[in-house]
Amino acid sequence: MRFLNSLRFVKAYVGLDFRDYFVSLAIYLGGYVSRVLVTGANGFVGSHIVEMLLEKEHHVVCALREKSNLRWIQNLPVEYRYGCFNDNKFLETIVKDVDVVIHCAGVVRAMTKDEYFKINVKNTKNLCESILKVNLILKKFIFISSQAAMGPSLSSSIRRIPDKENPVSDYGSSKLAAESEIKQILCGKVPYTILRPAAVYGPRDKDIFIFFNLVHRHFRLVTTTKRLLQLVFVKDVAKAVTACLENEKTNNNVYYLADSTAHTWSEIGKIIASSIGIKTVPLVVPDVMFKFAGMFAEIFSYIIRRPAVLNRQKIVEMVQKYWTADTNPAETDLNIEFTSLEVGSRITYNWYLSNKFL
């Protein structure tokens, strides 16, 4: 390790700014400072990962597009690297002198299947190939995938890693294809870990926010068909990432991240309401309404030429009866206890209030 650190010091000495120089000097003198590259660092999940890394005293490098909104990370002590993820020279530059890459960048909504695959798959492939070209001593590549890559459970029994994946959306298919690229390119050369979070909620989120907004207005969503799904608190995703950094148990493994308790939509509303002391009444939404909402939202998105929060494929994901997965491997290997919805929802609601989301 000392020898590898010395190599990085020599490489960093030429052509880097003073901040990089002093980080490399600290490495050389014996105080190991992990340089961690985070793609998508300005996003909902990415920004929480950056904060957790800084708490653990890692040196964080944020790879961003030129016009990225830095709202959540602009006051943090991090490095910024701006460029395009389809530019191989840029990718080689940002991965060259880091110890860990956390790949969080991607799209959760797009206009076409090609766009999902171009951003979520092709960019991941390019990033992995750049690592093999300029940084074979990388300690770990961590990919933030999604439970959507596995597809829904076929029954109330939970999905396990060996089970065959069956994504029901282009988004889920693109995440699964990205995982496949990582395995094919890095296997046997650079250790990787793939994390598949369930539906993520927490401070800064805008997707699960609808549950909190309705509870704030004294309603809770109820579906006519019973559906079970797992959620995961965003800070647990960040904890899982940091737990992988120097954990050899996680090398070349895949993990589901979620609170092991599955809830119906109505139960989610009741738990949020109970945790913050608000009384609610049920707002029953027939299944047919989901389909119409997805169709109209998709038509509107084509008119304004912007991806919609809802579309027909997102509705297909939402109306599945079971989104449940086995979280025991993550709890064991990562030594993590997932936050209950009761605790996480209280933290999230109070954040929404204090930041005027509600």
Protein backbone atom coordinates (compact mmCIF):
# COMPACT_ATOMS: atom_id res chain seq x y z
CA MET A 1 0.00 0.00 0.00
CA ARG A 2 2.82 2.41 0.86
CA PHE A 3 4.36 1.74 -2.55
CA LEU A 4 1.09 2.39 -4.38
CA ASN A 5 0.61 5.59 -2.42
CA SER A 6 4.10 6.68 -3.44
CA LEU A 7 3.24 6.06 -7.07
CA ARG A 8 0.18 8.23 -6.76
CA PHE A 9 2.29 10.95 -5.15
CA VAL A 10 4.71 10.95 -8.07
CA LYS A 11 1.86 11.00 -10.58
CA ALA A 12 0.03 13.79 -8.79
CA TYR A 13 3.16 15.92 -8.47
CA VAL A 14 3.07 16.78 -12.15
CA GLY A 15 0.29 18.87 -13.62
CA LEU A 16 -2.09 19.07 -10.64
CA ASP A 17 -3.21 22.05 -8.60
CA PHE A 18 -1.96 22.73 -5.06
CA ARG A 19 -4.94 21.06 -3.40
CA ASP A 20 -4.25 17.82 -5.23
CA TYR A 21 -0.56 18.18 -4.44
CA PHE A 22 -1.13 18.40 -0.69
CA VAL A 23 -3.57 15.48 -0.70
CA SER A 24 -0.93 13.38 -2.48
CA LEU A 25 1.73 14.61 -0.05
CA ALA A 26 -0.42 13.49 2.88
CA ILE A 27 -0.72 10.07 1.27
CA TYR A 28 3.00 9.81 0.76
CA LEU A 29 3.81 10.79 4.34
CA GLY A 30 1.75 7.93 5.67
CA GLY A 31 -1.66 9.35 6.52
CA TYR A 32 -3.75 7.51 3.94
CA VAL A 33 -6.35 9.81 2.40
CA SER A 34 -8.80 8.08 0.09
CA ARG A 35 -9.59 10.08 -3.03
CA VAL A 36 -13.14 9.12 -3.97
CA LEU A 37 -14.73 10.08 -7.28
CA VAL A 38 -18.51 10.47 -7.20
CA THR A 39 -20.47 10.82 -10.43
CA GLY A 40 -23.92 12.37 -10.10
CA ALA A 41 -22.71 13.99 -6.89
CA ASN A 42 -25.17 16.88 -7.13
CA GLY A 43 -28.27 14.69 -7.23
CA PHE A 44 -30.61 13.53 -4.48
CA VAL A 45 -28.77 10.29 -3.65
CA GLY A 46 -25.34 11.48 -4.78
CA SER A 47 -25.30 14.53 -2.51
CA HIS A 48 -26.02 12.39 0.54
CA ILE A 49 -23.22 10.03 -0.45
CA VAL A 50 -20.83 12.99 -0.72
CA GLU A 51 -21.80 14.21 2.75
CA MET A 52 -21.27 10.77 4.26
CA LEU A 53 -17.85 10.45 2.61
CA LEU A 54 -16.81 13.81 4.02
CA GLU A 55 -17.98 12.73 7.50
CA LYS A 56 -15.63 9.76 7.13
CA GLU A 57 -12.84 12.22 6.15
CA HIS A 58 -12.41 11.08 2.57
CA HIS A 59 -11.26 13.46 -0.14
CA VAL A 60 -14.18 13.78 -2.58
CA VAL A 61 -13.95 14.56 -6.28
CA CYS A 62 -17.29 15.37 -7.93
CA ALA A 63 -17.69 14.66 -11.66
CA LEU A 64 -20.36 16.96 -13.07
CA ARG A 65 -21.82 18.30 -16.28
CA GLU A 66 -21.05 21.94 -17.05
CA LYS A 67 -24.53 23.23 -16.18
CA SER A 68 -25.12 21.04 -13.13
CA ASN A 69 -27.20 22.48 -10.30
CA LEU A 70 -24.90 22.53 -7.26
CA ARG A 71 -27.63 23.42 -4.77
CA TRP A 72 -26.95 20.53 -2.40
CA ILE A 73 -23.14 20.46 -2.56
CA GLN A 74 -22.03 24.02 -3.31
CA ASN A 75 -20.81 24.72 0.23
CA LEU A 76 -19.02 21.42 0.75
CA PRO A 77 -15.19 21.03 0.73
CA VAL A 78 -14.97 18.98 -2.48
CA GLU A 79 -13.24 19.16 -5.85
CA TYR A 80 -15.28 19.77 -8.99
CA ARG A 81 -14.47 18.21 -12.35
CA TYR A 82 -16.65 19.37 -15.26
CA GLY A 83 -17.10 17.55 -18.54
CA CYS A 84 -19.18 15.15 -20.64
CA PHE A 85 -19.54 11.48 -19.77
CA ASN A 86 -19.36 10.55 -23.44
CA ASP A 87 -15.90 12.16 -23.64
CA ASN A 88 -13.33 9.41 -23.04
CA LYS A 89 -10.51 11.91 -22.42
CA PHE A 90 -12.55 13.52 -19.64
CA LEU A 91 -13.31 10.12 -18.11
CA GLU A 92 -9.65 9.09 -18.20
CA THR A 93 -8.69 12.36 -16.50
CA ILE A 94 -11.16 12.02 -13.63
CA VAL A 95 -10.46 8.33 -12.85
CA LYS A 96 -6.68 8.51 -13.19
CA ASP A 97 -5.71 9.47 -9.63
CA VAL A 98 -8.57 8.25 -7.44
CA ASP A 99 -8.79 5.26 -5.13
CA VAL A 100 -12.53 4.57 -5.45
CA VAL A 101 -15.17 5.39 -8.04
CA ILE A 102 -18.81 5.67 -6.97
CA HIS A 103 -20.98 5.79 -10.09
CA CYS A 104 -24.27 7.42 -9.18
CA ALA A 105 -24.91 9.42 -12.36
CA GLY A 106 -27.75 8.39 -14.63
CA VAL A 107 -31.33 9.16 -15.60
CA VAL A 108 -34.45 7.89 -13.87
CA ARG A 109 -36.76 9.30 -16.54
CA ALA A 110 -36.22 9.81 -20.27
CA MET A 111 -38.23 10.28 -23.46
CA THR A 112 -37.03 7.13 -25.21
CA LYS A 113 -35.45 3.74 -24.58
CA ASP A 114 -32.38 4.84 -26.55
CA GLU A 115 -31.86 7.74 -24.16
CA TYR A 116 -31.98 5.43 -21.12
CA PHE A 117 -29.42 3.11 -22.69
CA LYS A 118 -27.18 5.89 -23.97
CA ILE A 119 -26.86 7.50 -20.54
CA ASN A 120 -27.24 4.60 -18.12
CA VAL A 121 -25.44 1.89 -20.11
CA LYS A 122 -23.07 3.48 -22.62
CA ASN A 123 -21.69 6.02 -20.11
CA THR A 124 -21.15 3.26 -17.55
CA LYS A 125 -19.32 1.16 -20.15
CA ASN A 126 -17.09 4.11 -21.10
CA LEU A 127 -16.30 4.82 -17.44
CA CYS A 128 -15.26 1.21 -16.77
CA GLU A 129 -13.11 1.06 -19.88
CA SER A 130 -11.38 4.30 -18.86
CA ILE A 131 -10.55 2.77 -15.49
CA LEU A 132 -8.90 -0.23 -17.13
CA LYS A 133 -6.93 2.08 -19.38
CA VAL A 134 -5.47 4.46 -16.77
CA ASN A 135 -6.10 3.13 -13.23
CA LEU A 136 -5.76 -0.63 -12.79
CA ILE A 137 -4.89 -0.12 -9.11
CA LEU A 138 -8.37 1.24 -8.34
CA LYS A 139 -9.49 -0.20 -5.01
CA LYS A 140 -13.22 -0.38 -5.74
CA PHE A 141 -15.90 0.53 -8.27
CA ILE A 142 -19.31 1.01 -6.64
CA PHE A 143 -22.40 1.25 -8.82
CA ILE A 144 -25.73 2.64 -7.63
CA SER A 145 -28.22 0.52 -9.55
CA SER A 146 -31.89 0.06 -8.66
CA GLN A 147 -34.38 -2.51 -7.46
CA ALA A 148 -36.03 -1.85 -10.83
CA ALA A 149 -33.21 -3.87 -12.42
CA MET A 150 -34.49 -7.04 -10.77
CA GLY A 151 -38.15 -6.47 -11.63
CA PRO A 152 -41.08 -7.14 -9.30
CA SER A 153 -41.47 -10.25 -7.18
CA LEU A 154 -43.77 -12.85 -8.66
CA SER A 155 -45.44 -13.48 -5.30
CA SER A 156 -45.26 -12.26 -1.72
CA SER A 157 -42.01 -14.23 -1.32
CA ILE A 158 -38.98 -11.93 -1.46
CA ARG A 159 -36.58 -11.84 -4.38
CA ARG A 160 -33.02 -13.05 -3.83
CA ILE A 161 -29.88 -12.26 -5.77
CA PRO A 162 -29.70 -15.64 -7.61
CA ASP A 163 -33.28 -15.19 -8.91
CA LYS A 164 -33.63 -14.35 -12.59
CA GLU A 165 -34.12 -10.62 -13.20
CA ASN A 166 -37.21 -9.47 -15.06
CA PRO A 167 -37.34 -5.66 -15.31
CA VAL A 168 -40.67 -4.23 -16.48
CA SER A 169 -39.45 -0.82 -17.71
CA ASP A 170 -36.79 0.61 -19.98
CA TYR A 171 -35.25 2.25 -16.92
CA GLY A 172 -34.95 -1.09 -15.12
CA SER A 173 -33.61 -2.78 -18.27
CA SER A 174 -30.98 -0.07 -18.69
CA LYS A 175 -29.80 -0.48 -15.10
CA LEU A 176 -29.55 -4.25 -15.54
CA ALA A 177 -27.62 -3.79 -18.79
CA ALA A 178 -25.25 -1.37 -17.03
CA GLU A 179 -24.64 -3.98 -14.33
CA SER A 180 -23.80 -6.51 -17.04
CA GLU A 181 -21.24 -4.13 -18.59
CA ILE A 182 -19.56 -3.64 -15.20
CA LYS A 183 -19.30 -7.38 -14.61
CA GLN A 184 -17.94 -8.12 -18.09
CA ILE A 185 -15.39 -5.29 -18.15
CA LEU A 186 -14.12 -5.22 -14.55
CA CYS A 187 -14.44 -8.83 -13.39
CA GLY A 188 -11.04 -10.21 -12.38
CA LYS A 189 -9.35 -6.84 -12.90
CA VAL A 190 -10.94 -4.26 -10.58
CA PRO A 191 -13.19 -5.11 -7.59
CA TYR A 192 -16.76 -3.85 -7.95
CA THR A 193 -19.90 -3.72 -5.81
CA ILE A 194 -23.42 -3.23 -7.17
CA LEU A 195 -26.08 -1.76 -4.90
CA ARG A 196 -29.78 -2.02 -5.75
CA PRO A 197 -31.77 0.40 -3.58
CA ALA A 198 -35.54 0.08 -3.31
CA ALA A 199 -37.64 3.25 -3.71
CA VAL A 200 -35.48 5.89 -2.00
CA TYR A 201 -36.99 8.60 0.21
CA GLY A 202 -35.54 11.26 2.46
CA PRO A 203 -34.52 14.92 2.55
CA ARG A 204 -34.31 16.48 -0.97
CA ASP A 205 -36.43 13.79 -2.64
CA LYS A 206 -39.16 14.87 -5.07
CA ASP A 207 -40.64 11.49 -6.08
CA ILE A 208 -41.85 9.94 -2.79
CA PHE A 209 -42.64 13.52 -1.71
CA ILE A 210 -46.23 13.02 -2.91
CA PHE A 211 -46.94 10.76 0.10
CA PHE A 212 -45.68 13.42 2.51
CA ASN A 213 -47.51 16.24 0.73
CA LEU A 214 -50.82 14.38 0.88
CA VAL A 215 -50.37 13.52 4.58
CA HIS A 216 -49.55 17.18 5.23
CA ARG A 217 -52.97 17.93 3.69
CA HIS A 218 -54.59 15.17 5.83
CA PHE A 219 -54.93 12.53 3.08
CA ARG A 220 -53.30 9.15 2.51
CA LEU A 221 -53.18 7.25 -0.77
CA VAL A 222 -55.07 3.95 -0.92
CA THR A 223 -55.12 1.62 -3.94
CA THR A 224 -58.00 -0.69 -4.77
CA THR A 225 -55.52 -3.56 -5.26
CA LYS A 226 -53.27 -4.51 -2.37
CA ARG A 227 -49.65 -3.79 -3.24
CA LEU A 228 -46.53 -4.30 -1.14
CA LEU A 229 -43.29 -2.39 -1.56
CA GLN A 230 -40.12 -1.71 0.35
CA LEU A 231 -38.55 1.70 0.87
CA VAL A 232 -35.05 2.75 1.83
CA PHE A 233 -33.98 5.91 3.66
CA VAL A 234 -31.44 7.86 1.60
CA LYS A 235 -28.91 8.08 4.42
CA ASP A 236 -28.90 4.26 4.58
CA VAL A 237 -27.87 4.17 0.93
CA ALA A 238 -25.00 6.52 1.77
CA LYS A 239 -24.01 4.34 4.75
CA ALA A 240 -24.05 1.25 2.55
CA VAL A 241 -21.71 2.93 0.07
CA THR A 242 -19.15 3.92 2.71
CA ALA A 243 -19.37 0.42 4.21
CA CYS A 244 -18.23 -1.01 0.85
CA LEU A 245 -15.11 1.11 0.43
CA GLU A 246 -12.57 -1.14 2.12
CA ASN A 247 -14.77 -4.17 2.74
CA GLU A 248 -13.48 -7.16 0.78
CA LYS A 249 -16.65 -9.13 1.54
CA THR A 250 -18.45 -6.86 -0.90
CA ASN A 251 -16.04 -7.41 -3.78
CA ASN A 252 -17.87 -8.47 -6.95
CA ASN A 253 -21.19 -8.81 -5.14
CA VAL A 254 -24.69 -7.41 -5.59
CA TYR A 255 -26.85 -6.18 -2.68
CA TYR A 256 -30.46 -5.10 -2.24
CA LEU A 257 -30.88 -2.05 0.01
CA ALA A 258 -34.20 -1.57 1.80
CA ASP A 259 -36.00 -1.65 5.11
CA SER A 260 -36.96 -5.34 5.25
CA THR A 261 -40.58 -4.48 6.17
CA ALA A 262 -42.84 -4.17 3.13
CA HIS A 263 -45.82 -1.81 3.29
CA THR A 264 -49.02 -1.15 1.38
CA TRP A 265 -49.56 2.37 0.09
CA SER A 266 -52.14 2.98 2.81
CA GLU A 267 -49.74 1.76 5.50
CA ILE A 268 -47.08 4.16 4.23
CA GLY A 269 -49.51 7.05 4.64
CA LYS A 270 -50.58 5.87 8.09
CA ILE A 271 -46.98 5.49 9.30
CA ILE A 272 -45.98 8.93 8.02
CA ALA A 273 -49.07 10.46 9.62
CA SER A 274 -48.51 8.69 12.94
CA SER A 275 -44.82 9.64 13.08
CA ILE A 276 -45.61 13.35 12.73
CA GLY A 277 -48.94 13.44 14.60
CA ILE A 278 -51.32 14.23 11.73
CA LYS A 279 -54.76 12.68 11.26
CA THR A 280 -55.60 11.53 7.72
CA VAL A 281 -58.52 10.20 5.70
CA PRO A 282 -58.12 7.69 2.86
CA LEU A 283 -57.90 8.94 -0.72
CA VAL A 284 -58.88 5.91 -2.81
CA VAL A 285 -57.36 5.80 -6.30
CA PRO A 286 -58.76 3.15 -8.70
CA ASP A 287 -56.20 1.28 -10.80
CA VAL A 288 -57.64 2.71 -14.01
CA MET A 289 -56.74 6.21 -12.82
CA PHE A 290 -53.06 5.28 -12.76
CA LYS A 291 -53.18 4.25 -16.41
CA PHE A 292 -54.95 7.44 -17.50
CA ALA A 293 -52.56 9.58 -15.44
CA GLY A 294 -49.54 7.91 -17.03
CA MET A 295 -50.93 8.28 -20.54
CA PHE A 296 -51.82 11.97 -20.18
CA ALA A 297 -48.50 12.79 -18.47
CA GLU A 298 -46.63 11.09 -21.31
CA ILE A 299 -48.57 13.03 -23.97
CA PHE A 300 -47.86 16.28 -22.14
CA SER A 301 -44.15 15.42 -21.91
CA TYR A 302 -43.98 15.07 -25.71
CA ILE A 303 -45.67 18.43 -26.12
CA ILE A 304 -43.18 20.23 -23.85
CA ARG A 305 -40.30 17.96 -24.96
CA ARG A 306 -39.28 17.10 -21.41
CA PRO A 307 -39.44 13.71 -19.60
CA ALA A 308 -42.46 13.43 -17.32
CA VAL A 309 -42.29 12.36 -13.68
CA LEU A 310 -45.05 9.88 -14.59
CA ASN A 311 -45.32 7.91 -17.81
CA ARG A 312 -46.88 4.62 -18.85
CA GLN A 313 -43.77 2.61 -17.97
CA LYS A 314 -43.53 4.22 -14.53
CA ILE A 315 -47.18 3.33 -14.00
CA VAL A 316 -46.42 -0.28 -15.00
CA GLU A 317 -43.79 -0.34 -12.23
CA MET A 318 -46.15 1.26 -9.73
CA VAL A 319 -49.06 -1.16 -10.26
CA GLN A 320 -47.00 -4.31 -9.66
CA LYS A 321 -48.26 -6.21 -6.63
CA TYR A 322 -44.91 -6.97 -5.01
CA TRP A 323 -41.62 -5.08 -4.86
CA THR A 324 -39.77 -7.05 -2.19
CA ALA A 325 -36.18 -8.23 -1.96
CA ASP A 326 -33.86 -10.01 0.46
CA THR A 327 -31.84 -7.46 2.45
CA ASN A 328 -30.13 -9.95 4.78
CA PRO A 329 -26.86 -10.10 2.77
CA ALA A 330 -26.55 -6.31 2.96
CA GLU A 331 -27.29 -6.25 6.67
CA THR A 332 -24.68 -8.94 7.29
CA ASP A 333 -21.83 -7.96 4.96
CA LEU A 334 -22.25 -4.20 5.34
CA ASN A 335 -23.08 -4.36 9.05
CA ILE A 336 -25.96 -1.97 8.48
CA GLU A 337 -29.30 -1.63 10.25
CA PHE A 338 -31.84 -0.06 7.94
CA THR A 339 -33.86 2.87 9.25
CA SER A 340 -37.53 2.15 9.92
CA LEU A 341 -40.13 4.14 8.02
CA GLU A 342 -41.35 5.58 11.33
CA VAL A 343 -37.98 7.18 12.04
CA GLY A 344 -37.06 8.08 8.46
CA SER A 345 -40.42 9.69 7.70
CA ARG A 346 -40.20 11.95 10.76
CA ILE A 347 -36.74 13.17 9.72
CA THR A 348 -37.89 13.65 6.12
CA TYR A 349 -41.12 15.50 6.98
CA ASN A 350 -39.32 17.90 9.30
CA TRP A 351 -36.78 18.60 6.55
CA TYR A 352 -39.57 19.35 4.08
CA LEU A 353 -41.10 21.76 6.56
CA SER A 354 -37.87 23.58 7.42
CA ASN A 355 -36.93 23.89 3.73
CA LYS A 356 -40.39 25.10 2.71
CA PHE A 357 -41.25 22.14 0.49
CA LEU A 358 -44.60 22.00 2.30
